[in-house]
Structure formats: structure tokens, C-alpha cells
Amino acid sequence: MNKIDRMNRFRKNLLRGFLWGFGLWTALQVIWTGIAFNRLIPQASPIFAIISRFIQFGVYASILVTLFFFLRFWRYKRSLRKDPEVRAALDDERVRLSWFKAYRFAFLTVVVVYIILFLNEAFPQIAFHKHGLILPQETQTQLTLLVAVLSCVGAFLHYSREE
């Protein structure tokens, strides 16, 4: 395997690692929000304490996975700076087109997420005269950013796969 193929595989593995780290973080945040803020499990029960420890451990694990892949990404960028021929070969028109498609998909995903969050607050009060799923404002912001990262990286991996 030549250096260009190796670096291309390295880049895809990095992006998959970011996808796993941010995906775990997002899933745990949705679970925690559903349990803690919507009172699905009473906070005085021992099951709530076990679940909160599990979610806390999972968030720490996802942060460690993301930091690990960030350090590997830094190493990847440093090796590309040293070898301009490989950098030029990896940054071809097909890769740029895949990134542009991924950015467009991420933008549309963020718009859909904002519409869903708006309807979660407005529609139940209008139609049913009650509150929807309770999501604090900072959780809404974090979820939107995490979904943007997940959708952009996932879309790039989808568009850049070899047929």
C-alpha cells in the first residue's frame, strides 16, 4: 500500500472515530435528558443513581475517544504539512466535492433539528395545551451542534466511499 492510500485510510479512520465519540455523546445526552428532565424515573430511586453513573461514565468515555482521535488528527495534519505531494494528492476535486455535499447535508440537518425543536415547544401547547418533551436551552444548543458534527462527518464518509 502506498503512502497516499495509507493516509486516505488514516483520514477515514479518524473521521469514524470522531463519529463514534460524538455519536455516543449525543445518544447519552438524549437519554439523560429524557430520564432526568422529563421524570421518566423518580430521582429518589436507586435505578436513577445507577443510570446517572453509567451515563456519566459514558460521557467521559466519549470525551476520551474524541480527544484521542483529535490527537491523532493533529498528527495526521502535521505529517501532511511535511509532505506536500501527498497533501495535494489527498485534496483532489472528488474529496472537495464530497466535503461540499456534506456541508450542505449538515446545514439542512441543522435546519430540520431547529424545526423539530420549535415544534416540540410550540405544537403541543397549541394542539394539546400541554408541554412537549422538556429540553433545557443549553441541551438544545449542544444537541444541535453535535447533530451538525455527526451529520457532516457521516455525510462525508458516505459521499467519499468508493463505489
N, C-alpha and C. Protein backbone atom coordinates (compact mmCIF):
# COMPACT_ATOMS: atom_id res chain seq x y z
N MET A 1 0.85 -1.17 0.00
CA MET A 1 0.00 0.00 0.00
C MET A 1 0.90 1.24 0.00
N ASN A 2 0.61 2.15 -0.91
CA ASN A 2 1.44 3.36 -0.97
C ASN A 2 1.00 4.37 0.10
N LYS A 3 1.77 5.44 0.20
CA LYS A 3 1.55 6.41 1.27
C LYS A 3 0.21 7.14 1.12
N ILE A 4 -0.20 7.40 -0.10
CA ILE A 4 -1.45 8.12 -0.33
C ILE A 4 -2.64 7.27 0.14
N ASP A 5 -2.65 5.99 -0.21
CA ASP A 5 -3.74 5.12 0.24
C ASP A 5 -3.73 4.97 1.76
N ARG A 6 -2.55 4.88 2.33
CA ARG A 6 -2.45 4.76 3.79
C ARG A 6 -2.98 6.00 4.49
N MET A 7 -2.64 7.18 3.97
CA MET A 7 -3.12 8.43 4.58
C MET A 7 -4.63 8.60 4.37
N ASN A 8 -5.13 8.14 3.22
CA ASN A 8 -6.57 8.22 2.98
C ASN A 8 -7.32 7.31 3.96
N ARG A 9 -6.81 6.11 4.20
CA ARG A 9 -7.42 5.22 5.17
C ARG A 9 -7.31 5.79 6.57
N PHE A 10 -6.17 6.43 6.87
CA PHE A 10 -5.98 7.06 8.18
C PHE A 10 -7.01 8.15 8.40
N ARG A 11 -7.26 8.96 7.36
CA ARG A 11 -8.26 10.03 7.46
C ARG A 11 -9.65 9.46 7.70
N LYS A 12 -10.02 8.41 6.98
CA LYS A 12 -11.34 7.82 7.16
C LYS A 12 -11.49 7.19 8.54
N ASN A 13 -10.44 6.57 9.05
CA ASN A 13 -10.50 6.01 10.40
C ASN A 13 -10.62 7.11 11.45
N LEU A 14 -9.93 8.23 11.22
CA LEU A 14 -10.08 9.38 12.13
C LEU A 14 -11.51 9.87 12.16
N LEU A 15 -12.10 10.01 10.99
CA LEU A 15 -13.47 10.51 10.92
C LEU A 15 -14.45 9.52 11.55
N ARG A 16 -14.21 8.23 11.36
CA ARG A 16 -15.07 7.24 12.02
C ARG A 16 -14.93 7.32 13.53
N GLY A 17 -13.72 7.55 14.02
CA GLY A 17 -13.53 7.71 15.46
C GLY A 17 -14.27 8.91 16.01
N PHE A 18 -14.19 10.05 15.29
CA PHE A 18 -14.96 11.23 15.69
C PHE A 18 -16.45 10.92 15.67
N LEU A 19 -16.89 10.18 14.67
CA LEU A 19 -18.30 9.82 14.56
C LEU A 19 -18.74 8.98 15.76
N TRP A 20 -17.94 8.01 16.16
CA TRP A 20 -18.27 7.19 17.32
C TRP A 20 -18.26 8.00 18.61
N GLY A 21 -17.25 8.86 18.79
CA GLY A 21 -17.18 9.66 20.01
C GLY A 21 -18.34 10.61 20.15
N PHE A 22 -18.61 11.38 19.11
CA PHE A 22 -19.71 12.33 19.16
C PHE A 22 -21.06 11.62 19.16
N GLY A 23 -21.17 10.48 18.47
CA GLY A 23 -22.42 9.72 18.47
C GLY A 23 -22.77 9.19 19.84
N LEU A 24 -21.78 8.66 20.55
CA LEU A 24 -22.01 8.18 21.91
C LEU A 24 -22.42 9.33 22.82
N TRP A 25 -21.75 10.46 22.69
CA TRP A 25 -22.07 11.63 23.49
C TRP A 25 -23.51 12.08 23.24
N THR A 26 -23.90 12.15 21.98
CA THR A 26 -25.25 12.59 21.63
C THR A 26 -26.31 11.62 22.17
N ALA A 27 -26.08 10.33 21.99
CA ALA A 27 -27.06 9.34 22.46
C ALA A 27 -27.22 9.41 23.97
N LEU A 28 -26.11 9.52 24.68
CA LEU A 28 -26.19 9.60 26.14
C LEU A 28 -26.87 10.89 26.60
N GLN A 29 -26.64 11.97 25.87
CA GLN A 29 -27.28 13.22 26.26
C GLN A 29 -28.79 13.16 26.04
N VAL A 30 -29.21 12.53 24.97
CA VAL A 30 -30.65 12.38 24.72
C VAL A 30 -31.28 11.49 25.79
N ILE A 31 -30.59 10.40 26.14
CA ILE A 31 -31.10 9.50 27.18
C ILE A 31 -31.19 10.24 28.51
N TRP A 32 -30.14 10.96 28.88
CA TRP A 32 -30.13 11.67 30.15
C TRP A 32 -31.22 12.74 30.20
N THR A 33 -31.40 13.46 29.11
CA THR A 33 -32.43 14.49 29.07
C THR A 33 -33.82 13.86 29.23
N GLY A 34 -34.03 12.75 28.55
CA GLY A 34 -35.32 12.08 28.67
C GLY A 34 -35.59 11.58 30.07
N ILE A 35 -34.57 11.06 30.72
CA ILE A 35 -34.76 10.49 32.06
C ILE A 35 -34.83 11.58 33.12
N ALA A 36 -33.86 12.48 33.12
CA ALA A 36 -33.73 13.44 34.22
C ALA A 36 -34.75 14.58 34.16
N PHE A 37 -34.93 15.17 33.00
CA PHE A 37 -35.77 16.36 32.93
C PHE A 37 -37.24 16.05 32.71
N ASN A 38 -37.55 14.88 32.23
CA ASN A 38 -38.94 14.53 31.98
C ASN A 38 -39.51 13.56 33.01
N ARG A 39 -38.73 13.29 34.04
CA ARG A 39 -39.14 12.47 35.18
C ARG A 39 -39.68 11.11 34.77
N LEU A 40 -38.97 10.43 33.88
CA LEU A 40 -39.37 9.08 33.49
C LEU A 40 -39.09 8.08 34.60
N ILE A 41 -38.01 8.34 35.37
CA ILE A 41 -37.66 7.52 36.53
C ILE A 41 -37.56 8.47 37.72
N PRO A 42 -38.18 8.15 38.84
CA PRO A 42 -38.08 9.04 40.00
C PRO A 42 -36.62 9.22 40.43
N GLN A 43 -36.25 10.46 40.78
CA GLN A 43 -34.86 10.75 41.12
C GLN A 43 -34.43 10.14 42.44
N ALA A 44 -35.36 9.72 43.28
CA ALA A 44 -35.01 9.12 44.56
C ALA A 44 -34.75 7.61 44.44
N SER A 45 -35.06 7.02 43.31
CA SER A 45 -34.91 5.57 43.18
C SER A 45 -33.44 5.19 42.97
N PRO A 46 -33.04 4.00 43.39
CA PRO A 46 -31.66 3.56 43.19
C PRO A 46 -31.33 3.32 41.72
N ILE A 47 -32.33 3.02 40.91
CA ILE A 47 -32.10 2.83 39.48
C ILE A 47 -31.63 4.13 38.84
N PHE A 48 -32.19 5.24 39.29
CA PHE A 48 -31.78 6.55 38.78
C PHE A 48 -30.30 6.81 39.07
N ALA A 49 -29.84 6.45 40.26
CA ALA A 49 -28.43 6.64 40.62
C ALA A 49 -27.53 5.77 39.75
N ILE A 50 -27.93 4.54 39.49
CA ILE A 50 -27.13 3.65 38.65
C ILE A 50 -27.07 4.18 37.22
N ILE A 51 -28.20 4.59 36.69
CA ILE A 51 -28.24 5.12 35.33
C ILE A 51 -27.43 6.40 35.22
N SER A 52 -27.51 7.28 36.22
CA SER A 52 -26.75 8.53 36.16
C SER A 52 -25.25 8.26 36.19
N ARG A 53 -24.80 7.27 36.97
CA ARG A 53 -23.37 6.91 36.97
C ARG A 53 -22.94 6.32 35.64
N PHE A 54 -23.80 5.48 35.06
CA PHE A 54 -23.50 4.88 33.77
C PHE A 54 -23.39 5.95 32.69
N ILE A 55 -24.30 6.89 32.69
CA ILE A 55 -24.28 7.96 31.70
C ILE A 55 -23.08 8.86 31.91
N GLN A 56 -22.75 9.15 33.15
CA GLN A 56 -21.56 9.96 33.44
C GLN A 56 -20.30 9.26 32.94
N PHE A 57 -20.17 7.97 33.19
CA PHE A 57 -19.03 7.20 32.70
C PHE A 57 -19.00 7.20 31.17
N GLY A 58 -20.15 7.04 30.54
CA GLY A 58 -20.23 7.04 29.07
C GLY A 58 -19.82 8.36 28.46
N VAL A 59 -20.23 9.47 29.09
CA VAL A 59 -19.85 10.79 28.58
C VAL A 59 -18.34 10.98 28.71
N TYR A 60 -17.77 10.56 29.84
CA TYR A 60 -16.31 10.65 29.99
C TYR A 60 -15.61 9.80 28.94
N ALA A 61 -16.12 8.61 28.69
CA ALA A 61 -15.52 7.74 27.68
C ALA A 61 -15.61 8.37 26.29
N SER A 62 -16.74 8.99 25.97
CA SER A 62 -16.86 9.62 24.65
C SER A 62 -15.93 10.82 24.53
N ILE A 63 -15.74 11.56 25.61
CA ILE A 63 -14.79 12.68 25.57
C ILE A 63 -13.37 12.16 25.37
N LEU A 64 -13.02 11.07 26.04
CA LEU A 64 -11.68 10.49 25.86
C LEU A 64 -11.48 9.97 24.44
N VAL A 65 -12.49 9.32 23.87
CA VAL A 65 -12.40 8.84 22.49
C VAL A 65 -12.21 10.02 21.54
N THR A 66 -12.98 11.08 21.75
CA THR A 66 -12.88 12.26 20.89
C THR A 66 -11.51 12.92 21.04
N LEU A 67 -10.99 13.04 22.25
CA LEU A 67 -9.66 13.61 22.45
C LEU A 67 -8.57 12.75 21.82
N PHE A 68 -8.71 11.43 21.94
CA PHE A 68 -7.74 10.53 21.33
C PHE A 68 -7.69 10.73 19.82
N PHE A 69 -8.85 10.79 19.19
CA PHE A 69 -8.87 10.97 17.75
C PHE A 69 -8.50 12.40 17.35
N PHE A 70 -8.71 13.37 18.23
CA PHE A 70 -8.23 14.72 17.94
C PHE A 70 -6.70 14.75 17.93
N LEU A 71 -6.07 14.06 18.86
CA LEU A 71 -4.60 14.00 18.87
C LEU A 71 -4.08 13.26 17.64
N ARG A 72 -4.76 12.22 17.23
CA ARG A 72 -4.35 11.52 16.00
C ARG A 72 -4.56 12.42 14.78
N PHE A 73 -5.64 13.22 14.81
CA PHE A 73 -5.87 14.17 13.72
C PHE A 73 -4.75 15.20 13.66
N TRP A 74 -4.29 15.68 14.80
CA TRP A 74 -3.19 16.64 14.85
C TRP A 74 -1.93 16.01 14.25
N ARG A 75 -1.68 14.74 14.57
CA ARG A 75 -0.54 14.03 14.00
C ARG A 75 -0.70 13.87 12.48
N TYR A 76 -1.90 13.60 12.02
CA TYR A 76 -2.20 13.48 10.59
C TYR A 76 -1.92 14.80 9.87
N LYS A 77 -2.39 15.91 10.44
CA LYS A 77 -2.17 17.21 9.80
C LYS A 77 -0.68 17.57 9.77
N ARG A 78 0.02 17.23 10.84
CA ARG A 78 1.46 17.52 10.89
C ARG A 78 2.22 16.71 9.83
N SER A 79 1.84 15.46 9.62
CA SER A 79 2.51 14.66 8.60
C SER A 79 2.16 15.15 7.20
N LEU A 80 0.96 15.71 7.01
CA LEU A 80 0.61 16.27 5.70
C LEU A 80 1.38 17.55 5.41
N ARG A 81 1.67 18.33 6.45
CA ARG A 81 2.45 19.56 6.23
C ARG A 81 3.87 19.24 5.77
N LYS A 82 4.39 18.10 6.21
CA LYS A 82 5.75 17.72 5.84
C LYS A 82 5.85 17.19 4.42
N ASP A 83 4.76 16.69 3.87
CA ASP A 83 4.79 16.08 2.55
C ASP A 83 3.74 16.72 1.64
N PRO A 84 4.11 17.78 0.91
CA PRO A 84 3.12 18.49 0.09
C PRO A 84 2.57 17.67 -1.08
N GLU A 85 3.33 16.69 -1.59
CA GLU A 85 2.81 15.87 -2.70
C GLU A 85 1.64 15.01 -2.24
N VAL A 86 1.77 14.42 -1.06
CA VAL A 86 0.68 13.60 -0.53
C VAL A 86 -0.53 14.48 -0.21
N ARG A 87 -0.27 15.67 0.34
CA ARG A 87 -1.37 16.59 0.65
C ARG A 87 -2.13 16.97 -0.61
N ALA A 88 -1.40 17.25 -1.68
CA ALA A 88 -2.06 17.60 -2.95
C ALA A 88 -2.83 16.42 -3.51
N ALA A 89 -2.30 15.21 -3.36
CA ALA A 89 -2.99 14.04 -3.88
C ALA A 89 -4.25 13.72 -3.08
N LEU A 90 -4.22 13.97 -1.77
CA LEU A 90 -5.39 13.70 -0.92
C LEU A 90 -6.48 14.76 -1.05
N ASP A 91 -6.12 15.95 -1.48
CA ASP A 91 -7.08 17.05 -1.59
C ASP A 91 -7.48 17.24 -3.05
N ASP A 92 -8.03 16.21 -3.64
CA ASP A 92 -8.43 16.31 -5.03
C ASP A 92 -9.86 16.84 -5.15
N GLU A 93 -10.30 16.96 -6.38
CA GLU A 93 -11.62 17.54 -6.64
C GLU A 93 -12.75 16.67 -6.09
N ARG A 94 -12.58 15.36 -6.11
CA ARG A 94 -13.61 14.44 -5.62
C ARG A 94 -13.80 14.61 -4.10
N VAL A 95 -12.71 14.79 -3.38
CA VAL A 95 -12.79 14.98 -1.93
C VAL A 95 -13.44 16.32 -1.60
N ARG A 96 -13.06 17.34 -2.32
CA ARG A 96 -13.67 18.67 -2.10
C ARG A 96 -15.17 18.64 -2.38
N LEU A 97 -15.56 17.95 -3.45
CA LEU A 97 -16.98 17.84 -3.77
C LEU A 97 -17.71 17.07 -2.66
N SER A 98 -17.09 16.04 -2.13
CA SER A 98 -17.70 15.29 -1.03
C SER A 98 -17.87 16.17 0.20
N TRP A 99 -16.87 17.01 0.50
CA TRP A 99 -17.00 17.92 1.65
C TRP A 99 -18.11 18.94 1.43
N PHE A 100 -18.22 19.48 0.22
CA PHE A 100 -19.28 20.45 -0.05
C PHE A 100 -20.66 19.81 0.08
N LYS A 101 -20.81 18.58 -0.41
CA LYS A 101 -22.08 17.88 -0.25
C LYS A 101 -22.37 17.62 1.22
N ALA A 102 -21.33 17.27 1.98
CA ALA A 102 -21.50 17.01 3.41
C ALA A 102 -21.90 18.28 4.14
N TYR A 103 -21.30 19.42 3.79
CA TYR A 103 -21.67 20.69 4.43
C TYR A 103 -23.13 21.04 4.13
N ARG A 104 -23.53 20.82 2.90
CA ARG A 104 -24.93 21.10 2.53
C ARG A 104 -25.88 20.20 3.32
N PHE A 105 -25.55 18.92 3.42
CA PHE A 105 -26.38 17.99 4.18
C PHE A 105 -26.43 18.38 5.65
N ALA A 106 -25.29 18.79 6.23
CA ALA A 106 -25.25 19.20 7.64
C ALA A 106 -26.10 20.45 7.86
N PHE A 107 -26.03 21.39 6.93
CA PHE A 107 -26.84 22.60 7.06
C PHE A 107 -28.33 22.26 7.06
N LEU A 108 -28.75 21.41 6.13
CA LEU A 108 -30.16 21.04 6.06
C LEU A 108 -30.57 20.24 7.30
N THR A 109 -29.67 19.44 7.83
CA THR A 109 -29.96 18.68 9.05
C THR A 109 -30.16 19.63 10.23
N VAL A 110 -29.33 20.64 10.34
CA VAL A 110 -29.47 21.61 11.43
C VAL A 110 -30.78 22.37 11.30
N VAL A 111 -31.17 22.72 10.09
CA VAL A 111 -32.45 23.39 9.89
C VAL A 111 -33.60 22.48 10.34
N VAL A 112 -33.55 21.21 9.99
CA VAL A 112 -34.59 20.26 10.40
C VAL A 112 -34.62 20.10 11.92
N VAL A 113 -33.44 20.06 12.55
CA VAL A 113 -33.37 19.94 14.01
C VAL A 113 -34.01 21.16 14.66
N TYR A 114 -33.72 22.35 14.15
CA TYR A 114 -34.34 23.55 14.72
C TYR A 114 -35.86 23.53 14.53
N ILE A 115 -36.33 23.05 13.40
CA ILE A 115 -37.78 22.95 13.19
C ILE A 115 -38.39 21.98 14.19
N ILE A 116 -37.73 20.84 14.40
CA ILE A 116 -38.23 19.86 15.37
C ILE A 116 -38.24 20.44 16.78
N LEU A 117 -37.18 21.15 17.15
CA LEU A 117 -37.14 21.76 18.48
C LEU A 117 -38.22 22.83 18.64
N PHE A 118 -38.45 23.60 17.58
CA PHE A 118 -39.51 24.61 17.64
C PHE A 118 -40.88 23.95 17.77
N LEU A 119 -41.12 22.91 16.98
CA LEU A 119 -42.41 22.23 17.06
C LEU A 119 -42.59 21.51 18.39
N ASN A 120 -41.50 21.06 19.00
CA ASN A 120 -41.59 20.42 20.31
C ASN A 120 -42.11 21.40 21.35
N GLU A 121 -41.72 22.66 21.23
CA GLU A 121 -42.19 23.66 22.19
C GLU A 121 -43.54 24.24 21.81
N ALA A 122 -43.75 24.52 20.53
CA ALA A 122 -44.96 25.25 20.13
C ALA A 122 -46.16 24.34 19.87
N PHE A 123 -45.98 23.26 19.16
CA PHE A 123 -47.12 22.45 18.73
C PHE A 123 -47.89 21.80 19.88
N PRO A 124 -47.23 21.16 20.87
CA PRO A 124 -48.04 20.57 21.96
C PRO A 124 -48.85 21.60 22.73
N GLN A 125 -48.32 22.82 22.89
CA GLN A 125 -49.08 23.84 23.60
C GLN A 125 -50.26 24.33 22.78
N ILE A 126 -50.08 24.40 21.48
CA ILE A 126 -51.18 24.87 20.62
C ILE A 126 -52.24 23.77 20.48
N ALA A 127 -51.83 22.56 20.18
CA ALA A 127 -52.78 21.50 19.88
C ALA A 127 -53.32 20.79 21.12
N PHE A 128 -52.47 20.52 22.10
CA PHE A 128 -52.88 19.70 23.23
C PHE A 128 -52.91 20.46 24.55
N HIS A 129 -52.52 21.71 24.55
CA HIS A 129 -52.49 22.55 25.75
C HIS A 129 -51.66 21.93 26.86
N LYS A 130 -50.53 21.34 26.49
CA LYS A 130 -49.57 20.83 27.46
C LYS A 130 -48.17 20.98 26.88
N HIS A 131 -47.17 20.73 27.70
CA HIS A 131 -45.79 20.86 27.27
C HIS A 131 -45.34 19.60 26.55
N GLY A 132 -44.41 19.78 25.62
CA GLY A 132 -43.80 18.64 24.93
C GLY A 132 -42.66 18.09 25.77
N LEU A 133 -41.73 17.48 25.14
CA LEU A 133 -40.54 16.96 25.81
C LEU A 133 -39.74 18.13 26.35
N ILE A 134 -39.42 18.09 27.62
CA ILE A 134 -38.69 19.21 28.23
C ILE A 134 -37.22 19.10 27.88
N LEU A 135 -36.72 20.11 27.19
CA LEU A 135 -35.30 20.20 26.84
C LEU A 135 -34.77 21.56 27.28
N PRO A 136 -33.82 21.59 28.20
CA PRO A 136 -33.24 22.88 28.58
C PRO A 136 -32.54 23.54 27.39
N GLN A 137 -32.39 24.84 27.45
CA GLN A 137 -31.83 25.58 26.33
C GLN A 137 -30.40 25.15 26.01
N GLU A 138 -29.58 24.94 27.02
CA GLU A 138 -28.19 24.54 26.73
C GLU A 138 -28.14 23.13 26.14
N THR A 139 -29.06 22.26 26.51
CA THR A 139 -29.12 20.94 25.90
C THR A 139 -29.53 21.03 24.44
N GLN A 140 -30.46 21.92 24.14
CA GLN A 140 -30.86 22.12 22.75
C GLN A 140 -29.68 22.59 21.90
N THR A 141 -28.90 23.51 22.44
CA THR A 141 -27.74 24.02 21.71
C THR A 141 -26.70 22.93 21.51
N GLN A 142 -26.41 22.17 22.58
CA GLN A 142 -25.43 21.10 22.46
C GLN A 142 -25.89 20.03 21.48
N LEU A 143 -27.14 19.65 21.55
CA LEU A 143 -27.65 18.64 20.62
C LEU A 143 -27.58 19.11 19.18
N THR A 144 -27.88 20.38 18.95
CA THR A 144 -27.82 20.90 17.60
C THR A 144 -26.39 20.87 17.07
N LEU A 145 -25.43 21.27 17.90
CA LEU A 145 -24.03 21.24 17.46
C LEU A 145 -23.53 19.81 17.26
N LEU A 146 -23.90 18.91 18.15
CA LEU A 146 -23.48 17.52 18.00
C LEU A 146 -24.10 16.89 16.75
N VAL A 147 -25.36 17.18 16.48
CA VAL A 147 -26.01 16.66 15.28
C VAL A 147 -25.35 17.25 14.03
N ALA A 148 -24.94 18.51 14.08
CA ALA A 148 -24.26 19.12 12.94
C ALA A 148 -22.94 18.41 12.66
N VAL A 149 -22.16 18.15 13.69
CA VAL A 149 -20.88 17.45 13.50
C VAL A 149 -21.12 16.03 13.00
N LEU A 150 -22.06 15.34 13.64
CA LEU A 150 -22.34 13.96 13.22
C LEU A 150 -22.82 13.88 11.78
N SER A 151 -23.71 14.77 11.40
CA SER A 151 -24.23 14.72 10.04
C SER A 151 -23.18 15.10 9.01
N CYS A 152 -22.33 16.06 9.33
CA CYS A 152 -21.29 16.46 8.38
C CYS A 152 -20.26 15.34 8.18
N VAL A 153 -19.78 14.78 9.26
CA VAL A 153 -18.77 13.72 9.15
C VAL A 153 -19.38 12.47 8.53
N GLY A 154 -20.57 12.10 8.95
CA GLY A 154 -21.23 10.93 8.38
C GLY A 154 -21.52 11.09 6.90
N ALA A 155 -21.96 12.28 6.51
CA ALA A 155 -22.25 12.52 5.09
C ALA A 155 -20.97 12.50 4.27
N PHE A 156 -19.87 13.04 4.81
CA PHE A 156 -18.61 12.98 4.07
C PHE A 156 -18.17 11.54 3.89
N LEU A 157 -18.26 10.73 4.94
CA LEU A 157 -17.88 9.33 4.81
C LEU A 157 -18.78 8.60 3.81
N HIS A 158 -20.04 8.98 3.76
CA HIS A 158 -20.96 8.37 2.80
C HIS A 158 -20.61 8.80 1.37
N TYR A 159 -20.41 10.09 1.15
CA TYR A 159 -20.16 10.58 -0.19
C TYR A 159 -18.77 10.21 -0.71
N SER A 160 -17.81 10.01 0.18
CA SER A 160 -16.44 9.73 -0.28
C SER A 160 -16.13 8.25 -0.36
N ARG A 161 -17.10 7.41 -0.09
CA ARG A 161 -16.80 5.98 -0.20
C ARG A 161 -16.60 5.60 -1.66
N GLU A 162 -15.80 4.61 -1.85
CA GLU A 162 -15.52 4.19 -3.23
C GLU A 162 -16.54 3.17 -3.68
N GLU A 163 -17.07 3.37 -4.81
CA GLU A 163 -18.14 2.52 -5.34
C GLU A 163 -17.55 1.27 -5.94
